[in-house]
Protein backbone atom coordinates (compact mmCIF):
# COMPACT_ATOMS: atom_id res chain seq x y z
CA MET A 1 97.11 -45.35 -89.98
CA LYS A 2 94.75 -45.90 -93.07
CA ASP A 3 95.08 -49.47 -92.72
CA SER A 4 94.06 -49.87 -89.02
CA LYS A 5 90.72 -47.66 -90.05
CA SER A 6 90.02 -49.75 -93.02
CA ILE A 7 90.87 -53.05 -91.05
CA ASN A 8 88.35 -51.74 -88.08
CA LEU A 9 85.57 -51.31 -90.54
CA ILE A 10 85.75 -54.31 -92.31
CA THR A 11 86.00 -56.31 -88.95
CA PHE A 12 82.99 -54.49 -87.61
CA ILE A 13 81.08 -55.06 -91.07
CA LEU A 14 81.97 -58.67 -90.98
CA THR A 15 81.19 -59.44 -87.20
CA TYR A 16 78.18 -57.49 -87.68
CA ILE A 17 76.80 -59.50 -90.78
CA LEU A 18 77.97 -62.96 -88.95
CA ALA A 19 76.30 -62.16 -85.70
CA ARG A 20 73.30 -61.18 -87.17
CA PHE A 21 73.31 -64.57 -89.27
CA ILE A 22 74.13 -66.74 -85.94
CA GLY A 23 71.30 -64.73 -84.40
CA LYS A 24 68.58 -65.58 -86.70
CA VAL A 25 69.85 -69.24 -86.71
CA THR A 26 70.03 -69.64 -83.02
CA GLY A 27 67.03 -67.43 -82.43
CA PHE A 28 68.43 -65.33 -79.29
CA ASN A 29 65.71 -63.15 -77.71
CA TYR A 30 66.38 -60.82 -74.91
CA ASN A 31 64.45 -58.27 -73.37
CA LEU A 32 66.71 -55.50 -71.61
CA SER A 33 63.68 -54.69 -69.62
CA SER A 34 63.78 -57.72 -67.61
CA GLY A 35 67.25 -57.16 -66.96
CA ILE A 36 70.67 -58.84 -68.08
CA ASN A 37 69.75 -62.75 -68.99
CA ILE A 38 72.05 -65.27 -70.17
CA ASN A 39 71.13 -64.97 -74.09
CA LEU A 40 72.32 -61.47 -73.85
CA LEU A 41 75.51 -62.82 -72.71
CA TYR A 42 75.89 -65.17 -75.42
CA ASP A 43 75.47 -62.80 -77.70
CA LEU A 44 77.96 -60.23 -76.29
CA LEU A 45 80.28 -63.27 -76.32
CA ILE A 46 79.98 -64.20 -79.68
CA TRP A 47 80.25 -60.44 -80.78
CA GLY A 48 83.47 -60.52 -79.05
CA ALA A 49 84.66 -63.81 -80.31
CA LEU A 50 83.99 -62.84 -83.89
CA TYR A 51 85.18 -59.31 -83.74
CA PHE A 52 88.68 -60.30 -82.09
CA SER A 53 89.02 -63.51 -84.69
CA PHE A 54 88.15 -61.19 -87.73
CA ASP A 55 90.71 -58.32 -86.22
CA TRP A 56 93.55 -61.16 -85.98
CA ILE A 57 92.92 -62.88 -89.27
CA LEU A 58 92.55 -59.32 -91.37
CA ASN A 59 95.85 -57.94 -89.23
CA LYS A 60 97.62 -61.10 -90.21
CA TYR A 61 96.72 -60.72 -93.79
CA PHE A 62 97.32 -56.99 -94.29
CA ALA A 63 101.04 -57.54 -92.44
CA LYS A 64 101.84 -60.25 -95.05
CA LYS A 65 100.27 -58.19 -98.07
CA ASN A 66 102.40 -55.27 -96.99
CA ASN A 67 105.29 -57.28 -96.44
CA SER A 68 105.11 -58.79 -99.86
CA SER A 69 104.49 -55.54 -101.65
CA ASN A 70 107.85 -54.03 -99.51
CA ASN A 71 110.14 -56.86 -100.46
CA GLY A 72 109.28 -56.91 -104.42
């Protein structure tokens, strides 16, 4: 259980950092008072893709790390 909490925290932090960087590079601007626009949807799509990618990678890494420590 401890690993899943740390994986979620690390995943969120990495996603936040990389999404902010992508947002600065692409310059997506959106104003929620004007309703949902395409830039907001792109931003949410980027967040989702990054989060699930980091989560998958970290789960694979921690599973491999745990298997090697249990076998040795």
